PDB file of N, CA and C in Angstrom:
ATOM      1  N   MET A   1       0.855  -1.178   0.000  1.00  0.00           N
ATOM      2  CA  MET A   1       0.000   0.000   0.000  1.00  0.00           C
ATOM      3  C   MET A   1       0.899   1.238   0.000  1.00  0.00           C
ATOM      4  N   ALA A   2       0.604   2.182  -0.834  1.00  0.00           N
ATOM      5  CA  ALA A   2       1.375   3.417  -0.912  1.00  0.00           C
ATOM      6  C   ALA A   2       1.144   4.271   0.324  1.00  0.00           C
ATOM      7  N   GLN A   3       2.173   5.021   0.719  1.00  0.00           N
ATOM      8  CA  GLN A   3       2.082   5.863   1.921  1.00  0.00           C
ATOM      9  C   GLN A   3       0.897   6.818   1.867  1.00  0.00           C
ATOM     10  N   GLU A   4       0.602   7.426   0.691  1.00  0.00           N
ATOM     11  CA  GLU A   4      -0.481   8.401   0.606  1.00  0.00           C
ATOM     12  C   GLU A   4      -1.857   7.779   0.821  1.00  0.00           C
ATOM     13  N   ASP A   5      -1.969   6.448   0.756  1.00  0.00           N
ATOM     14  CA  ASP A   5      -3.239   5.772   0.978  1.00  0.00           C
ATOM     15  C   ASP A   5      -3.459   5.400   2.436  1.00  0.00           C
ATOM     16  N   LYS A   6      -2.453   5.608   3.281  1.00  0.00           N
ATOM     17  CA  LYS A   6      -2.579   5.222   4.683  1.00  0.00           C
ATOM     18  C   LYS A   6      -3.395   6.243   5.456  1.00  0.00           C
ATOM     19  N   PHE A   7      -4.171   5.762   6.397  1.00  0.00           N
ATOM     20  CA  PHE A   7      -4.939   6.615   7.298  1.00  0.00           C
ATOM     21  C   PHE A   7      -4.105   6.766   8.560  1.00  0.00           C
ATOM     22  N   ILE A   8      -3.423   7.893   8.706  1.00  0.00           N
ATOM     23  CA  ILE A   8      -2.501   8.115   9.806  1.00  0.00           C
ATOM     24  C   ILE A   8      -3.241   8.792  10.957  1.00  0.00           C
ATOM     25  N   VAL A   9      -3.138   8.214  12.162  1.00  0.00           N
ATOM     26  CA  VAL A   9      -3.822   8.736  13.343  1.00  0.00           C
ATOM     27  C   VAL A   9      -2.768   9.246  14.327  1.00  0.00           C
ATOM     28  N   PRO A  10      -2.615  10.574  14.425  1.00  0.00           N
ATOM     29  CA  PRO A  10      -1.663  11.098  15.406  1.00  0.00           C
ATOM     30  C   PRO A  10      -2.218  10.975  16.822  1.00  0.00           C
ATOM     31  N   ARG A  11      -1.338  11.024  17.798  1.00  0.00           N
ATOM     32  CA  ARG A  11      -1.790  10.966  19.185  1.00  0.00           C
ATOM     33  C   ARG A  11      -2.677  12.165  19.492  1.00  0.00           C
ATOM     34  N   ARG A  12      -3.497  12.055  20.493  1.00  0.00           N
ATOM     35  CA  ARG A  12      -4.565  13.006  20.820  1.00  0.00           C
ATOM     36  C   ARG A  12      -4.061  14.401  21.191  1.00  0.00           C
ATOM     37  N   LYS A  13      -4.719  15.401  20.602  1.00  0.00           N
ATOM     38  CA  LYS A  13      -4.572  16.799  20.986  1.00  0.00           C
ATOM     39  C   LYS A  13      -5.985  17.335  21.165  1.00  0.00           C
ATOM     40  N   PRO A  14      -6.315  17.867  22.334  1.00  0.00           N
ATOM     41  CA  PRO A  14      -7.694  18.348  22.544  1.00  0.00           C
ATOM     42  C   PRO A  14      -8.042  19.502  21.604  1.00  0.00           C
ATOM     43  N   THR A  15      -9.224  19.429  20.997  1.00  0.00           N
ATOM     44  CA  THR A  15      -9.710  20.494  20.120  1.00  0.00           C
ATOM     45  C   THR A  15     -11.160  20.790  20.458  1.00  0.00           C
ATOM     46  N   PRO A  16     -11.398  21.838  21.229  1.00  0.00           N
ATOM     47  CA  PRO A  16     -12.786  22.166  21.591  1.00  0.00           C
ATOM     48  C   PRO A  16     -13.558  22.698  20.384  1.00  0.00           C
ATOM     49  N   SER A  17     -14.756  22.187  20.189  1.00  0.00           N
ATOM     50  CA  SER A  17     -15.617  22.680  19.107  1.00  0.00           C
ATOM     51  C   SER A  17     -17.066  22.295  19.388  1.00  0.00           C
ATOM     52  N   ARG A  18     -17.974  22.930  18.699  1.00  0.00           N
ATOM     53  CA  ARG A  18     -19.401  22.641  18.831  1.00  0.00           C
ATOM     54  C   ARG A  18     -19.702  21.335  18.085  1.00  0.00           C
ATOM     55  N   SER A  19     -20.607  20.529  18.624  1.00  0.00           N
ATOM     56  CA  SER A  19     -20.931  19.262  17.966  1.00  0.00           C
ATOM     57  C   SER A  19     -22.377  18.866  18.236  1.00  0.00           C
ATOM     58  N   THR A  20     -22.855  17.888  17.457  1.00  0.00           N
ATOM     59  CA  THR A  20     -24.200  17.347  17.578  1.00  0.00           C
ATOM     60  C   THR A  20     -24.095  15.837  17.746  1.00  0.00           C
ATOM     61  N   VAL A  21     -24.937  15.277  18.590  1.00  0.00           N
ATOM     62  CA  VAL A  21     -24.933  13.836  18.822  1.00  0.00           C
ATOM     63  C   VAL A  21     -25.600  13.130  17.643  1.00  0.00           C
ATOM     64  N   VAL A  22     -24.929  12.076  17.134  1.00  0.00           N
ATOM     65  CA  VAL A  22     -25.448  11.244  16.046  1.00  0.00           C
ATOM     66  C   VAL A  22     -25.262   9.789  16.463  1.00  0.00           C
ATOM     67  N   SER A  23     -26.282   8.994  16.280  1.00  0.00           N
ATOM     68  CA  SER A  23     -26.207   7.581  16.624  1.00  0.00           C
ATOM     69  C   SER A  23     -25.987   6.758  15.359  1.00  0.00           C
ATOM     70  N   LEU A  24     -25.158   5.709  15.463  1.00  0.00           N
ATOM     71  CA  LEU A  24     -24.960   4.830  14.317  1.00  0.00           C
ATOM     72  C   LEU A  24     -24.708   3.412  14.794  1.00  0.00           C
ATOM     73  N   ARG A  25     -24.903   2.459  13.902  1.00  0.00           N
ATOM     74  CA  ARG A  25     -24.668   1.048  14.210  1.00  0.00           C
ATOM     75  C   ARG A  25     -23.424   0.604  13.456  1.00  0.00           C
ATOM     76  N   LEU A  26     -22.568  -0.160  14.146  1.00  0.00           N
ATOM     77  CA  LEU A  26     -21.354  -0.688  13.542  1.00  0.00           C
ATOM     78  C   LEU A  26     -21.308  -2.196  13.727  1.00  0.00           C
ATOM     79  N   PRO A  27     -20.772  -2.911  12.746  1.00  0.00           N
ATOM     80  CA  PRO A  27     -20.571  -4.350  12.941  1.00  0.00           C
ATOM     81  C   PRO A  27     -19.612  -4.578  14.115  1.00  0.00           C
ATOM     82  N   ASP A  28     -19.795  -5.677  14.832  1.00  0.00           N
ATOM     83  CA  ASP A  28     -18.970  -5.972  16.007  1.00  0.00           C
ATOM     84  C   ASP A  28     -17.478  -5.955  15.688  1.00  0.00           C
ATOM     85  N   GLU A  29     -17.091  -6.524  14.550  1.00  0.00           N
ATOM     86  CA  GLU A  29     -15.672  -6.570  14.179  1.00  0.00           C
ATOM     87  C   GLU A  29     -15.110  -5.171  13.957  1.00  0.00           C
ATOM     88  N   MET A  30     -15.891  -4.296  13.348  1.00  0.00           N
ATOM     89  CA  MET A  30     -15.441  -2.929  13.106  1.00  0.00           C
ATOM     90  C   MET A  30     -15.264  -2.195  14.431  1.00  0.00           C
ATOM     91  N   LEU A  31     -16.211  -2.376  15.341  1.00  0.00           N
ATOM     92  CA  LEU A  31     -16.116  -1.737  16.647  1.00  0.00           C
ATOM     93  C   LEU A  31     -14.890  -2.245  17.404  1.00  0.00           C
ATOM     94  N   SER A  32     -14.614  -3.527  17.307  1.00  0.00           N
ATOM     95  CA  SER A  32     -13.443  -4.104  17.965  1.00  0.00           C
ATOM     96  C   SER A  32     -12.156  -3.485  17.426  1.00  0.00           C
ATOM     97  N   ARG A  33     -12.065  -3.350  16.107  1.00  0.00           N
ATOM     98  CA  ARG A  33     -10.877  -2.722  15.501  1.00  0.00           C
ATOM     99  C   ARG A  33     -10.763  -1.269  15.927  1.00  0.00           C
ATOM    100  N   LEU A  34     -11.889  -0.573  15.983  1.00  0.00           N
ATOM    101  CA  LEU A  34     -11.908   0.826  16.396  1.00  0.00           C
ATOM    102  C   LEU A  34     -11.412   0.964  17.837  1.00  0.00           C
ATOM    103  N   GLU A  35     -11.844   0.067  18.708  1.00  0.00           N
ATOM    104  CA  GLU A  35     -11.407   0.100  20.101  1.00  0.00           C
ATOM    105  C   GLU A  35      -9.913  -0.203  20.228  1.00  0.00           C
ATOM    106  N   GLN A  36      -9.399  -1.097  19.388  1.00  0.00           N
ATOM    107  CA  GLN A  36      -7.959  -1.389  19.396  1.00  0.00           C
ATOM    108  C   GLN A  36      -7.147  -0.154  19.013  1.00  0.00           C
ATOM    109  N   VAL A  37      -7.579   0.535  17.974  1.00  0.00           N
ATOM    110  CA  VAL A  37      -6.884   1.747  17.540  1.00  0.00           C
ATOM    111  C   VAL A  37      -6.985   2.825  18.616  1.00  0.00           C
ATOM    112  N   ALA A  38      -8.141   2.941  19.246  1.00  0.00           N
ATOM    113  CA  ALA A  38      -8.322   3.916  20.313  1.00  0.00           C
ATOM    114  C   ALA A  38      -7.334   3.651  21.452  1.00  0.00           C
ATOM    115  N   ALA A  39      -7.192   2.400  21.830  1.00  0.00           N
ATOM    116  CA  ALA A  39      -6.273   2.038  22.910  1.00  0.00           C
ATOM    117  C   ALA A  39      -4.827   2.337  22.530  1.00  0.00           C
ATOM    118  N   GLN A  40      -4.465   2.097  21.277  1.00  0.00           N
ATOM    119  CA  GLN A  40      -3.093   2.311  20.826  1.00  0.00           C
ATOM    120  C   GLN A  40      -2.739   3.787  20.676  1.00  0.00           C
ATOM    121  N   THR A  41      -3.719   4.620  20.386  1.00  0.00           N
ATOM    122  CA  THR A  41      -3.443   6.029  20.079  1.00  0.00           C
ATOM    123  C   THR A  41      -3.836   7.007  21.174  1.00  0.00           C
ATOM    124  N   GLY A  42      -4.613   6.540  22.158  1.00  0.00           N
ATOM    125  CA  GLY A  42      -5.094   7.442  23.191  1.00  0.00           C
ATOM    126  C   GLY A  42      -6.252   8.308  22.723  1.00  0.00           C
ATOM    127  N   ARG A  43      -6.806   7.998  21.565  1.00  0.00           N
ATOM    128  CA  ARG A  43      -7.973   8.711  21.033  1.00  0.00           C
ATOM    129  C   ARG A  43      -9.239   8.026  21.504  1.00  0.00           C
ATOM    130  N   THR A  44     -10.345   8.772  21.521  1.00  0.00           N
ATOM    131  CA  THR A  44     -11.639   8.156  21.815  1.00  0.00           C
ATOM    132  C   THR A  44     -12.195   7.555  20.530  1.00  0.00           C
ATOM    133  N   ARG A  45     -13.156   6.653  20.683  1.00  0.00           N
ATOM    134  CA  ARG A  45     -13.823   6.106  19.497  1.00  0.00           C
ATOM    135  C   ARG A  45     -14.459   7.228  18.701  1.00  0.00           C
ATOM    136  N   ASN A  46     -15.062   8.177  19.389  1.00  0.00           N
ATOM    137  CA  ASN A  46     -15.707   9.301  18.729  1.00  0.00           C
ATOM    138  C   ASN A  46     -14.715  10.087  17.864  1.00  0.00           C
ATOM    139  N   GLU A  47     -13.543  10.377  18.423  1.00  0.00           N
ATOM    140  CA  GLU A  47     -12.529  11.101  17.653  1.00  0.00           C
ATOM    141  C   GLU A  47     -12.125  10.327  16.406  1.00  0.00           C
ATOM    142  N   LEU A  48     -11.943   9.031  16.555  1.00  0.00           N
ATOM    143  CA  LEU A  48     -11.537   8.212  15.419  1.00  0.00           C
ATOM    144  C   LEU A  48     -12.616   8.165  14.336  1.00  0.00           C
ATOM    145  N   VAL A  49     -13.876   8.034  14.753  1.00  0.00           N
ATOM    146  CA  VAL A  49     -14.972   8.033  13.776  1.00  0.00           C
ATOM    147  C   VAL A  49     -15.005   9.367  13.041  1.00  0.00           C
ATOM    148  N   GLN A  50     -14.834  10.475  13.766  1.00  0.00           N
ATOM    149  CA  GLN A  50     -14.796  11.792  13.119  1.00  0.00           C
ATOM    150  C   GLN A  50     -13.645  11.878  12.125  1.00  0.00           C
ATOM    151  N   MET A  51     -12.486  11.371  12.524  1.00  0.00           N
ATOM    152  CA  MET A  51     -11.326  11.403  11.630  1.00  0.00           C
ATOM    153  C   MET A  51     -11.566  10.566  10.376  1.00  0.00           C
ATOM    154  N   CYS A  52     -12.169   9.404  10.545  1.00  0.00           N
ATOM    155  CA  CYS A  52     -12.466   8.528   9.402  1.00  0.00           C
ATOM    156  C   CYS A  52     -13.450   9.199   8.449  1.00  0.00           C
ATOM    157  N   ILE A  53     -14.485   9.812   8.992  1.00  0.00           N
ATOM    158  CA  ILE A  53     -15.478  10.487   8.158  1.00  0.00           C
ATOM    159  C   ILE A  53     -14.847  11.667   7.438  1.00  0.00           C
ATOM    160  N   ASP A  54     -14.038  12.451   8.144  1.00  0.00           N
ATOM    161  CA  ASP A  54     -13.358  13.585   7.520  1.00  0.00           C
ATOM    162  C   ASP A  54     -12.448  13.119   6.390  1.00  0.00           C
ATOM    163  N   TYR A  55     -11.706  12.038   6.636  1.00  0.00           N
ATOM    164  CA  TYR A  55     -10.812  11.462   5.633  1.00  0.00           C
ATOM    165  C   TYR A  55     -11.602  11.040   4.384  1.00  0.00           C
ATOM    166  N   ALA A  56     -12.703  10.347   4.598  1.00  0.00           N
ATOM    167  CA  ALA A  56     -13.517   9.877   3.474  1.00  0.00           C
ATOM    168  C   ALA A  56     -14.155  11.037   2.719  1.00  0.00           C
ATOM    169  N   LEU A  57     -14.702  12.006   3.429  1.00  0.00           N
ATOM    170  CA  LEU A  57     -15.358  13.137   2.774  1.00  0.00           C
ATOM    171  C   LEU A  57     -14.384  13.979   1.961  1.00  0.00           C
ATOM    172  N   SER A  58     -13.165  14.130   2.452  1.00  0.00           N
ATOM    173  CA  SER A  58     -12.183  14.940   1.729  1.00  0.00           C
ATOM    174  C   SER A  58     -11.683  14.248   0.465  1.00  0.00           C
ATOM    175  N   ARG A  59     -11.926  12.951   0.342  1.00  0.00           N
ATOM    176  CA  ARG A  59     -11.492  12.181  -0.832  1.00  0.00           C
ATOM    177  C   ARG A  59     -12.670  11.642  -1.640  1.00  0.00           C
ATOM    178  N   LEU A  60     -13.855  12.080  -1.311  1.00  0.00           N
ATOM    179  CA  LEU A  60     -15.073  11.582  -1.933  1.00  0.00           C
ATOM    180  C   LEU A  60     -15.185  11.995  -3.397  1.00  0.00           C
ATOM    181  N   GLU A  61     -15.579  11.044  -4.222  1.00  0.00           N
ATOM    182  CA  GLU A  61     -15.879  11.320  -5.617  1.00  0.00           C
ATOM    183  C   GLU A  61     -17.229  10.674  -5.923  1.00  0.00           C
ATOM    184  N   ILE A  62     -18.187  11.456  -6.338  1.00  0.00           N
ATOM    185  CA  ILE A  62     -19.525  10.953  -6.641  1.00  0.00           C
ATOM    186  C   ILE A  62     -19.607  10.656  -8.139  1.00  0.00           C
ATOM    187  N   THR A  63     -20.090   9.447  -8.471  1.00  0.00           N
ATOM    188  CA  THR A  63     -20.212   9.038  -9.864  1.00  0.00           C
ATOM    189  C   THR A  63     -21.664   8.700 -10.189  1.00  0.00           C
ATOM    190  N   ASP A  64     -21.975   8.579 -11.449  1.00  0.00           N
ATOM    191  CA  ASP A  64     -23.328   8.243 -11.899  1.00  0.00           C
ATOM    192  C   ASP A  64     -23.446   6.760 -12.232  1.00  0.00           C
ATOM    193  N   GLU A  65     -22.998   5.889 -11.372  1.00  0.00           N
ATOM    194  CA  GLU A  65     -23.082   4.440 -11.613  1.00  0.00           C
ATOM    195  C   GLU A  65     -24.342   3.866 -11.049  1.00  0.00           C
TER     196      GLU A  65
END
């Protein structure tokens, strides 16, 4: 995998901001992986989900398929 394709998670830095609560369902395996990354990085699951969504949205391409 090329370096530019990696999802890099830096260690936690607090960033205060306004937010809204959103509920979602995740497969058990995905949640387990998310918790492992959280433990390794000191990030919360919430922070990681936000980072993943931001990463995906910034690279999103919509097609007419």
